[in-house]
Amino acid sequence: MLRTDMLKSKPLEGNARYEGFCIDLLSEMARIVGFEYGMSDVLDVIIDDVHSNE
C-alpha cells in the first residue's frame, strides 16, 4: 500500500513509498537473512493473467 503521507511532504522514493504488514514482514526478513529487495508498481494492472483463459 502506498503511504498516505506522500502528499504532505516531499515525495518518498524507493521502498519508503510503501507501508503495511507485508512490507514490515519483508523488511524484517531482509534484515535477518541479509538480502536487499526493491519494490515497484505494476504498470499494466492486469491481475491474475495466468488464469484469464480459464
N, C-alpha and C. Protein backbone atom coordinates (compact mmCIF):
# COMPACT_ATOMS: atom_id res chain seq x y z
N MET A 1 0.85 -1.16 0.00
CA MET A 1 0.00 0.00 0.00
C MET A 1 0.90 1.23 0.00
N LEU A 2 0.55 2.20 -0.80
CA LEU A 2 1.33 3.44 -0.82
C LEU A 2 1.08 4.23 0.45
N ARG A 3 2.11 4.86 0.94
CA ARG A 3 1.98 5.65 2.17
C ARG A 3 1.07 6.84 1.94
N THR A 4 0.30 7.18 2.95
CA THR A 4 -0.66 8.28 2.82
C THR A 4 -0.01 9.64 3.03
N ASP A 5 1.15 9.71 3.65
CA ASP A 5 1.80 10.99 3.91
C ASP A 5 2.60 11.51 2.72
N MET A 6 2.51 10.86 1.58
CA MET A 6 3.27 11.28 0.41
C MET A 6 2.87 12.68 -0.06
N LEU A 7 1.62 13.07 0.14
CA LEU A 7 1.16 14.37 -0.33
C LEU A 7 1.53 15.49 0.64
N LYS A 8 1.84 15.17 1.88
CA LYS A 8 2.11 16.17 2.90
C LYS A 8 3.56 16.64 2.91
N SER A 9 4.47 15.86 2.41
CA SER A 9 5.89 16.20 2.45
C SER A 9 6.51 15.96 1.08
N LYS A 10 7.82 16.04 1.03
CA LYS A 10 8.47 15.78 -0.25
C LYS A 10 8.22 14.32 -0.65
N PRO A 11 8.17 14.04 -1.93
CA PRO A 11 7.87 12.67 -2.39
C PRO A 11 8.89 11.66 -1.86
N LEU A 12 8.39 10.53 -1.44
CA LEU A 12 9.26 9.45 -0.97
C LEU A 12 9.74 8.66 -2.17
N GLU A 13 10.88 8.00 -2.02
CA GLU A 13 11.46 7.23 -3.10
C GLU A 13 11.70 5.79 -2.66
N GLY A 14 11.75 4.90 -3.64
CA GLY A 14 12.09 3.51 -3.37
C GLY A 14 11.10 2.81 -2.46
N ASN A 15 11.61 1.94 -1.60
CA ASN A 15 10.75 1.15 -0.72
C ASN A 15 10.07 1.99 0.34
N ALA A 16 10.54 3.20 0.60
CA ALA A 16 9.93 4.07 1.61
C ALA A 16 8.53 4.52 1.20
N ARG A 17 8.16 4.32 -0.08
CA ARG A 17 6.83 4.71 -0.54
C ARG A 17 5.74 3.79 -0.03
N TYR A 18 6.08 2.62 0.48
CA TYR A 18 5.11 1.61 0.85
C TYR A 18 5.07 1.39 2.35
N GLU A 19 3.90 0.95 2.83
CA GLU A 19 3.75 0.64 4.25
C GLU A 19 2.76 -0.51 4.39
N GLY A 20 2.73 -1.12 5.57
CA GLY A 20 1.78 -2.19 5.85
C GLY A 20 2.47 -3.43 6.36
N PHE A 21 1.66 -4.41 6.74
CA PHE A 21 2.16 -5.64 7.35
C PHE A 21 3.15 -6.36 6.44
N CYS A 22 2.80 -6.54 5.16
CA CYS A 22 3.68 -7.28 4.24
C CYS A 22 5.02 -6.59 4.05
N ILE A 23 5.00 -5.26 4.01
CA ILE A 23 6.25 -4.51 3.88
C ILE A 23 7.09 -4.67 5.14
N ASP A 24 6.44 -4.58 6.30
CA ASP A 24 7.15 -4.79 7.57
C ASP A 24 7.75 -6.18 7.64
N LEU A 25 7.00 -7.18 7.23
CA LEU A 25 7.48 -8.56 7.24
C LEU A 25 8.67 -8.74 6.29
N LEU A 26 8.54 -8.21 5.09
CA LEU A 26 9.63 -8.31 4.12
C LEU A 26 10.88 -7.60 4.61
N SER A 27 10.72 -6.43 5.19
CA SER A 27 11.87 -5.68 5.72
C SER A 27 12.56 -6.44 6.85
N GLU A 28 11.79 -7.04 7.73
CA GLU A 28 12.37 -7.80 8.83
C GLU A 28 13.08 -9.05 8.32
N MET A 29 12.48 -9.75 7.36
CA MET A 29 13.14 -10.93 6.78
C MET A 29 14.44 -10.54 6.10
N ALA A 30 14.44 -9.41 5.38
CA ALA A 30 15.65 -8.95 4.71
C ALA A 30 16.74 -8.62 5.72
N ARG A 31 16.35 -8.03 6.84
CA ARG A 31 17.32 -7.70 7.88
C ARG A 31 17.92 -8.95 8.49
N ILE A 32 17.08 -9.94 8.80
CA ILE A 32 17.54 -11.17 9.47
C ILE A 32 18.38 -12.03 8.52
N VAL A 33 17.89 -12.25 7.32
CA VAL A 33 18.56 -13.13 6.38
C VAL A 33 19.72 -12.43 5.67
N GLY A 34 19.60 -11.12 5.50
CA GLY A 34 20.67 -10.36 4.89
C GLY A 34 20.57 -10.22 3.39
N PHE A 35 19.39 -9.85 2.89
CA PHE A 35 19.25 -9.61 1.47
C PHE A 35 18.64 -8.24 1.23
N GLU A 36 18.80 -7.75 0.01
CA GLU A 36 18.22 -6.47 -0.38
C GLU A 36 17.09 -6.73 -1.36
N TYR A 37 16.11 -5.85 -1.39
CA TYR A 37 14.97 -6.01 -2.29
C TYR A 37 14.54 -4.64 -2.78
N GLY A 38 13.77 -4.64 -3.84
CA GLY A 38 13.21 -3.41 -4.38
C GLY A 38 11.76 -3.62 -4.76
N MET A 39 10.95 -2.65 -4.49
CA MET A 39 9.53 -2.70 -4.82
C MET A 39 9.28 -1.81 -6.03
N SER A 40 8.34 -2.19 -6.86
CA SER A 40 7.97 -1.34 -8.00
C SER A 40 6.48 -1.51 -8.27
N ASP A 41 5.89 -0.48 -8.85
CA ASP A 41 4.48 -0.52 -9.20
C ASP A 41 4.28 -1.35 -10.45
N VAL A 42 3.14 -2.03 -10.54
CA VAL A 42 2.77 -2.78 -11.73
C VAL A 42 2.08 -1.81 -12.67
N LEU A 43 2.61 -1.67 -13.87
CA LEU A 43 2.09 -0.67 -14.79
C LEU A 43 0.90 -1.15 -15.61
N ASP A 44 0.80 -2.45 -15.88
CA ASP A 44 -0.26 -2.93 -16.75
C ASP A 44 -1.55 -3.27 -16.01
N VAL A 45 -1.56 -3.26 -14.72
CA VAL A 45 -2.71 -3.56 -13.86
C VAL A 45 -3.53 -4.78 -14.28
N ILE A 46 -2.90 -5.75 -14.91
CA ILE A 46 -3.58 -7.00 -15.22
C ILE A 46 -3.34 -7.92 -14.04
N ILE A 47 -4.43 -8.29 -13.37
CA ILE A 47 -4.34 -9.13 -12.17
C ILE A 47 -4.72 -10.56 -12.56
N ASP A 48 -3.89 -11.51 -12.17
CA ASP A 48 -4.16 -12.92 -12.38
C ASP A 48 -4.28 -13.25 -13.86
N ASP A 49 -3.39 -12.77 -14.67
CA ASP A 49 -3.41 -13.01 -16.11
C ASP A 49 -3.25 -14.48 -16.45
N VAL A 50 -2.59 -15.24 -15.59
CA VAL A 50 -2.36 -16.67 -15.84
C VAL A 50 -3.67 -17.42 -15.95
N HIS A 51 -4.67 -17.03 -15.17
CA HIS A 51 -5.94 -17.74 -15.14
C HIS A 51 -7.03 -17.08 -15.98
N SER A 52 -6.69 -16.09 -16.78
CA SER A 52 -7.72 -15.36 -17.53
C SER A 52 -8.31 -16.18 -18.68
N ASN A 53 -7.63 -17.23 -19.12
CA ASN A 53 -8.13 -18.05 -20.22
C ASN A 53 -9.00 -19.21 -19.75
N GLU A 54 -9.19 -19.35 -18.47
CA GLU A 54 -9.99 -20.48 -17.95
C GLU A 54 -11.46 -20.14 -17.94
